[in-house]
N, C-alpha and C. Protein backbone atom coordinates (compact mmCIF):
# COMPACT_ATOMS: atom_id res chain seq x y z
N MET A 1 38.86 -12.82 12.97
CA MET A 1 37.86 -12.57 11.53
C MET A 1 36.25 -12.82 12.39
N THR A 2 35.65 -11.45 12.09
CA THR A 2 34.28 -11.54 12.79
C THR A 2 33.62 -12.27 11.39
N VAL A 3 32.56 -12.92 11.75
CA VAL A 3 31.53 -13.59 11.06
C VAL A 3 30.35 -12.69 10.92
N ARG A 4 30.25 -12.23 9.54
CA ARG A 4 28.92 -11.46 9.93
C ARG A 4 27.71 -11.84 9.70
N GLN A 5 26.58 -11.86 10.26
CA GLN A 5 25.39 -12.44 10.52
C GLN A 5 24.66 -12.17 9.16
N ALA A 6 23.97 -13.17 8.95
CA ALA A 6 23.06 -12.62 7.20
C ALA A 6 21.83 -11.56 7.81
N THR A 7 21.58 -10.50 7.31
CA THR A 7 20.50 -10.11 7.78
C THR A 7 19.33 -9.80 6.60
N THR A 8 18.06 -9.04 7.05
CA THR A 8 16.88 -9.35 6.07
C THR A 8 16.64 -7.84 6.05
N THR A 9 16.32 -7.12 5.24
CA THR A 9 15.78 -5.35 5.04
C THR A 9 14.45 -5.63 5.16
N LEU A 10 13.92 -5.06 6.31
CA LEU A 10 12.56 -4.77 6.57
C LEU A 10 11.79 -3.29 6.44
N TRP A 11 11.00 -2.74 6.14
CA TRP A 11 10.19 -1.17 6.45
C TRP A 11 9.32 -1.24 6.92
N ARG A 12 9.18 0.08 7.67
CA ARG A 12 8.18 0.04 8.60
C ARG A 12 7.64 1.42 8.20
N PRO A 13 6.48 1.18 7.94
CA PRO A 13 5.39 2.48 7.65
C PRO A 13 5.09 3.16 9.20
N THR A 14 5.24 4.12 9.09
CA THR A 14 4.94 4.76 11.11
C THR A 14 4.34 6.36 11.20
N GLY A 15 3.42 6.51 11.99
CA GLY A 15 3.18 7.93 12.21
C GLY A 15 4.26 8.84 13.18
N PRO A 16 3.87 10.27 13.26
CA PRO A 16 4.93 10.51 13.71
C PRO A 16 5.16 10.35 15.14
N LYS A 17 3.99 9.89 16.13
CA LYS A 17 4.44 9.75 17.56
C LYS A 17 5.27 8.51 17.66
N GLU A 18 5.03 7.47 16.71
CA GLU A 18 6.10 6.40 16.74
C GLU A 18 7.25 6.61 16.78
N LEU A 19 7.55 7.56 15.40
CA LEU A 19 8.86 7.81 14.87
C LEU A 19 9.61 8.69 15.86
N GLU A 20 8.76 9.03 16.75
CA GLU A 20 9.73 10.39 17.79
C GLU A 20 10.15 9.24 19.11
N LEU A 21 9.28 7.92 19.43
CA LEU A 21 9.76 7.35 20.16
C LEU A 21 10.97 6.43 19.60
N VAL A 22 11.31 6.19 17.93
CA VAL A 22 12.10 5.59 17.52
C VAL A 22 13.50 6.32 17.64
N ARG A 23 13.30 7.86 17.72
CA ARG A 23 14.24 8.86 17.79
C ARG A 23 14.92 8.90 18.88
N GLU A 24 13.96 8.70 19.88
CA GLU A 24 14.66 8.88 21.37
C GLU A 24 15.26 7.60 21.66
N SER A 25 14.87 6.57 20.95
CA SER A 25 15.66 5.15 21.43
C SER A 25 17.27 5.31 20.53
N GLY A 26 17.53 6.12 19.83
CA GLY A 26 19.13 6.53 19.43
C GLY A 26 18.54 5.82 17.67
N TRP A 27 17.73 5.80 17.48
CA TRP A 27 17.30 4.68 16.25
C TRP A 27 17.66 3.36 16.44
N ARG A 28 17.46 2.77 17.53
CA ARG A 28 18.00 1.52 17.57
C ARG A 28 16.92 0.36 18.09
N ALA A 29 15.31 1.15 17.97
CA ALA A 29 14.35 -0.06 18.65
C ALA A 29 13.10 0.89 18.68
N TRP A 30 12.13 -0.64 18.34
CA TRP A 30 10.82 0.11 18.48
C TRP A 30 10.04 -0.31 19.63
N PRO A 31 9.44 1.06 19.96
CA PRO A 31 8.55 1.24 21.13
C PRO A 31 7.56 0.38 21.30
N PRO A 32 7.26 0.02 22.55
CA PRO A 32 6.51 -1.24 23.05
C PRO A 32 5.02 -0.73 22.18
N ARG A 33 4.12 -1.97 21.85
CA ARG A 33 2.61 -1.59 21.46
C ARG A 33 1.74 -1.07 22.25
N LEU A 34 0.99 -0.47 21.84
CA LEU A 34 -0.22 0.33 22.70
C LEU A 34 -0.96 -1.28 23.20
N LEU A 35 -1.79 -0.80 24.13
CA LEU A 35 -2.81 -2.07 24.45
C LEU A 35 -3.77 -2.79 23.13
N GLU A 36 -3.79 -1.62 22.76
CA GLU A 36 -4.65 -1.93 21.28
C GLU A 36 -4.03 -2.37 19.83
N GLN A 37 -2.81 -2.91 20.61
CA GLN A 37 -1.88 -3.18 19.46
C GLN A 37 -1.10 -4.69 19.42
N PRO A 38 -1.83 -5.52 19.37
CA PRO A 38 -1.41 -6.73 19.93
C PRO A 38 0.05 -7.42 18.94
N ILE A 39 0.21 -6.69 17.81
CA ILE A 39 1.21 -7.47 16.70
C ILE A 39 2.12 -6.05 16.40
N PHE A 40 3.40 -6.27 16.01
CA PHE A 40 4.07 -5.17 15.60
C PHE A 40 4.28 -6.01 14.05
N TYR A 41 3.92 -4.86 13.08
CA TYR A 41 4.00 -5.47 11.72
C TYR A 41 5.41 -4.93 10.56
N PRO A 42 6.20 -4.90 10.64
CA PRO A 42 7.20 -4.88 9.70
C PRO A 42 6.70 -5.12 8.46
N VAL A 43 6.77 -4.54 7.04
CA VAL A 43 6.79 -5.20 5.63
C VAL A 43 7.76 -5.27 5.23
N LEU A 44 7.65 -6.46 3.98
CA LEU A 44 8.77 -7.03 3.28
C LEU A 44 8.82 -5.98 1.97
N ASN A 45 8.63 -5.01 1.75
CA ASN A 45 9.11 -4.37 0.60
C ASN A 45 8.43 -2.85 0.90
N GLU A 46 9.51 -2.03 -0.30
CA GLU A 46 9.62 -0.71 -0.01
C GLU A 46 8.19 0.02 -0.08
N ASP A 47 7.18 -0.48 -1.59
CA ASP A 47 6.45 0.06 -2.07
C ASP A 47 5.15 -0.26 -1.23
N TYR A 48 4.84 -1.16 -0.57
CA TYR A 48 3.92 -1.55 0.34
C TYR A 48 4.14 -0.66 1.53
N ALA A 49 5.30 -0.33 1.87
CA ALA A 49 5.17 0.57 3.22
C ALA A 49 5.11 2.19 2.66
N ILE A 50 5.23 2.19 1.63
CA ILE A 50 5.30 3.97 1.31
C ILE A 50 3.99 3.73 1.18
N ARG A 51 2.70 3.08 0.52
CA ARG A 51 1.22 2.96 0.26
C ARG A 51 1.03 2.94 1.37
N ILE A 52 1.41 2.76 2.96
CA ILE A 52 0.80 2.90 3.82
C ILE A 52 0.96 3.83 4.55
N ALA A 53 1.99 4.23 4.35
CA ALA A 53 2.70 5.75 5.10
C ALA A 53 2.01 6.65 4.48
N ARG A 54 2.12 6.98 3.17
CA ARG A 54 1.13 7.77 2.09
C ARG A 54 -0.11 7.95 2.67
N ASP A 55 -0.89 6.70 2.13
CA ASP A 55 -2.25 6.77 2.21
C ASP A 55 -3.20 6.07 3.67
N TRP A 56 -2.28 6.16 4.32
CA TRP A 56 -2.85 5.58 5.89
C TRP A 56 -2.69 6.59 6.95
N ASN A 57 -1.12 6.54 7.33
CA ASN A 57 -0.50 7.36 8.16
C ASN A 57 -0.83 9.09 7.83
N VAL A 58 -0.93 9.52 6.66
CA VAL A 58 -1.23 10.88 6.40
C VAL A 58 -2.78 11.15 7.05
N LYS A 59 -3.30 10.40 6.25
CA LYS A 59 -4.58 10.53 6.50
C LYS A 59 -5.22 10.34 8.04
N HIS A 60 -4.72 9.45 8.84
CA HIS A 60 -4.87 9.88 10.25
C HIS A 60 -4.41 10.35 11.45
N ASP A 61 -2.79 10.67 10.71
CA ASP A 61 -1.97 11.44 11.77
C ASP A 61 -1.51 12.78 11.17
N GLY A 62 -1.56 13.16 9.84
CA GLY A 62 -1.24 14.63 9.33
C GLY A 62 0.16 14.14 8.76
N ALA A 63 0.48 13.16 8.96
CA ALA A 63 2.04 12.93 8.36
C ALA A 63 2.51 11.26 8.45
N GLY A 64 3.04 10.86 7.50
CA GLY A 64 3.64 9.80 7.33
C GLY A 64 5.14 9.10 7.12
N PHE A 65 5.57 8.45 7.58
CA PHE A 65 7.22 8.35 7.60
C PHE A 65 7.25 6.49 7.06
N VAL A 66 8.38 6.16 6.24
CA VAL A 66 8.92 5.06 5.98
C VAL A 66 10.48 4.82 6.56
N THR A 67 10.30 3.92 7.40
CA THR A 67 11.78 3.38 7.82
C THR A 67 12.25 2.24 7.18
N ARG A 68 13.45 1.95 7.03
CA ARG A 68 14.03 0.80 6.67
C ARG A 68 15.16 0.41 7.71
N PHE A 69 15.12 -1.09 7.92
CA PHE A 69 16.11 -1.29 9.20
C PHE A 69 16.55 -2.91 8.65
N GLU A 70 17.42 -3.62 9.26
CA GLU A 70 18.27 -4.77 9.19
C GLU A 70 17.78 -5.69 10.45
N VAL A 71 17.27 -6.98 10.32
CA VAL A 71 17.23 -7.88 11.50
C VAL A 71 17.84 -8.95 11.13
N GLU A 72 18.43 -10.01 11.84
CA GLU A 72 19.44 -11.28 11.59
C GLU A 72 17.99 -11.90 10.81
N SER A 73 18.42 -12.47 9.87
CA SER A 73 17.41 -13.76 9.03
C SER A 73 17.10 -14.61 9.81
N GLU A 74 18.10 -15.39 10.70
CA GLU A 74 18.09 -16.45 11.13
C GLU A 74 17.14 -16.34 12.37
N PHE A 75 16.85 -14.97 12.81
CA PHE A 75 15.89 -14.76 14.02
C PHE A 75 14.70 -14.83 13.50
N LEU A 76 14.60 -13.66 12.42
CA LEU A 76 13.32 -13.80 11.35
C LEU A 76 12.53 -15.07 11.10
N ALA A 77 13.30 -15.94 10.72
CA ALA A 77 12.72 -17.05 10.50
C ALA A 77 11.42 -17.73 11.20
N ARG A 78 11.53 -17.27 12.40
CA ARG A 78 10.37 -17.97 13.35
C ARG A 78 9.16 -16.98 12.96
N TYR A 79 9.23 -16.23 12.03
CA TYR A 79 8.17 -15.18 11.77
C TYR A 79 7.88 -15.72 10.31
N PRO A 80 6.25 -16.60 10.02
CA PRO A 80 6.12 -17.05 8.69
C PRO A 80 5.09 -15.48 8.06
N VAL A 81 5.81 -15.61 7.04
CA VAL A 81 5.25 -14.08 6.03
C VAL A 81 3.72 -14.13 5.87
N GLN A 82 3.16 -13.19 6.31
CA GLN A 82 1.75 -13.08 5.94
C GLN A 82 1.71 -12.53 4.78
N ARG A 83 0.10 -12.70 4.14
CA ARG A 83 0.08 -11.85 2.64
C ARG A 83 -1.10 -10.75 3.55
N ALA A 84 -1.16 -9.71 3.19
CA ALA A 84 -2.14 -8.59 3.85
C ALA A 84 -2.76 -8.30 2.26
N GLY A 85 -3.15 -9.31 1.73
CA GLY A 85 -4.24 -8.96 0.64
C GLY A 85 -3.59 -9.72 -0.70
N GLY A 86 -2.86 -8.31 -1.39
CA GLY A 86 -2.35 -8.39 -2.74
C GLY A 86 -0.74 -9.42 -2.87
N ARG A 87 -0.43 -9.80 -3.90
CA ARG A 87 0.67 -10.56 -4.01
C ARG A 87 1.79 -10.15 -3.32
N THR A 88 1.96 -8.77 -3.32
CA THR A 88 3.14 -7.88 -2.86
C THR A 88 2.67 -7.23 -1.57
N LEU A 89 1.65 -7.61 -0.77
CA LEU A 89 1.53 -6.89 0.66
C LEU A 89 2.01 -7.84 1.66
N LEU A 90 3.21 -7.85 1.62
CA LEU A 90 3.57 -8.86 2.69
C LEU A 90 4.02 -8.21 3.99
N GLU A 91 3.74 -9.04 4.90
CA GLU A 91 4.13 -8.47 6.41
C GLU A 91 4.58 -9.62 7.22
N LEU A 92 5.20 -9.29 8.38
CA LEU A 92 5.88 -10.38 9.43
C LEU A 92 4.86 -9.89 10.80
N TRP A 93 4.48 -10.84 11.36
CA TRP A 93 3.55 -10.43 12.45
C TRP A 93 4.32 -10.72 13.97
N VAL A 94 4.59 -9.91 14.46
CA VAL A 94 5.76 -10.23 15.82
C VAL A 94 4.76 -10.04 17.11
N PRO A 95 4.14 -10.86 17.66
CA PRO A 95 3.64 -10.46 19.13
C PRO A 95 4.20 -9.37 19.76
N ALA A 96 3.53 -8.73 20.10
CA ALA A 96 3.88 -7.38 21.38
C ALA A 96 4.83 -8.04 22.19
N GLU A 97 4.71 -8.73 22.82
CA GLU A 97 5.39 -9.73 24.17
C GLU A 97 6.37 -9.87 23.57
N GLU A 98 6.92 -10.19 22.06
CA GLU A 98 8.36 -10.57 21.89
C GLU A 98 9.23 -9.44 21.06
N LEU A 99 8.19 -8.11 20.93
CA LEU A 99 8.93 -6.95 20.10
C LEU A 99 10.75 -6.52 21.18
N ASP A 100 10.76 -6.57 22.31
CA ASP A 100 11.93 -6.38 23.19
C ASP A 100 13.04 -7.57 22.35
N GLU A 101 12.56 -8.68 22.35
CA GLU A 101 13.55 -9.87 21.43
C GLU A 101 13.74 -9.08 20.32
N PHE A 102 12.70 -9.00 19.34
CA PHE A 102 12.73 -8.47 18.01
C PHE A 102 13.86 -7.63 17.72
N ASN A 103 13.51 -6.29 18.82
CA ASN A 103 14.67 -5.23 19.16
C ASN A 103 16.13 -5.57 19.06
N ALA A 104 16.10 -6.69 19.86
CA ALA A 104 18.14 -6.96 20.12
C ALA A 104 18.16 -7.47 19.18
N HIS A 105 17.89 -7.85 18.19
CA HIS A 105 18.27 -8.45 16.96
C HIS A 105 18.13 -7.46 15.66
N ILE A 106 17.84 -6.54 16.01
CA ILE A 106 18.31 -5.59 15.17
C ILE A 106 19.58 -5.08 14.66
N VAL A 107 20.27 -5.03 13.53
CA VAL A 107 21.43 -4.79 13.03
C VAL A 107 21.48 -3.33 12.62
N GLY A 108 22.40 -2.65 13.08
CA GLY A 108 22.53 -1.33 12.79
C GLY A 108 21.45 -0.15 13.60
N GLU A 109 21.27 0.85 12.62
CA GLU A 109 20.42 1.79 13.02
C GLU A 109 19.00 1.67 12.27
N ILE A 110 17.77 1.86 12.56
CA ILE A 110 16.44 2.36 12.17
C ILE A 110 16.51 3.53 11.18
N GLU A 111 16.55 3.65 9.85
CA GLU A 111 16.81 4.83 9.04
C GLU A 111 15.39 5.37 8.31
N LEU A 112 15.07 6.63 8.24
CA LEU A 112 14.19 7.11 8.09
C LEU A 112 14.41 7.57 6.45
N VAL A 113 13.60 6.78 5.82
CA VAL A 113 13.64 6.74 4.01
C VAL A 113 12.76 7.72 3.52
N HIS A 114 12.03 8.02 3.95
CA HIS A 114 10.48 8.51 2.89
C HIS A 114 9.78 9.61 3.92
N GLU A 115 9.30 10.55 3.75
CA GLU A 115 8.35 11.42 4.64
C GLU A 115 7.14 11.92 3.43
N PHE A 116 6.17 11.86 4.17
CA PHE A 116 4.74 12.35 3.55
C PHE A 116 4.01 12.94 4.45
N THR A 117 3.32 14.47 3.85
CA THR A 117 2.52 15.13 4.73
C THR A 117 1.57 15.54 3.83
N ALA A 118 0.32 15.86 4.60
CA ALA A 118 -1.10 16.23 4.35
C ALA A 118 -0.96 17.68 3.43
N ALA A 119 -1.42 17.94 2.10
CA ALA A 119 -1.22 18.91 1.19
C ALA A 119 -1.66 20.07 2.42
N PRO A 120 -1.19 21.10 2.00
CA PRO A 120 -1.96 22.58 3.15
C PRO A 120 -3.17 22.93 1.99
């Protein structure tokens, strides 16, 4: 009998370039951070992810996307929850140099759940 590891659902607002790299990974991993991106920050709720994708990514990239994925809960315990303003604006801050290890603890595939584009 296989014992299933407990997982935590995370959300990631993203732009088109990062989403294409996730697609190229077979929906299994987040790409390395750029030099100006010292952390990878998944968020803890869908509403917050939607706000970022719709209000920030669309404005800056012409499109915004929300992804959902599962990560082993025991592994995530090393990252304290960060409050990015309001009560429900919660993120995890994963140092860029730990992203490969973080990716190794993703369970299943990264799913695309929302898409937003600029109005014509």
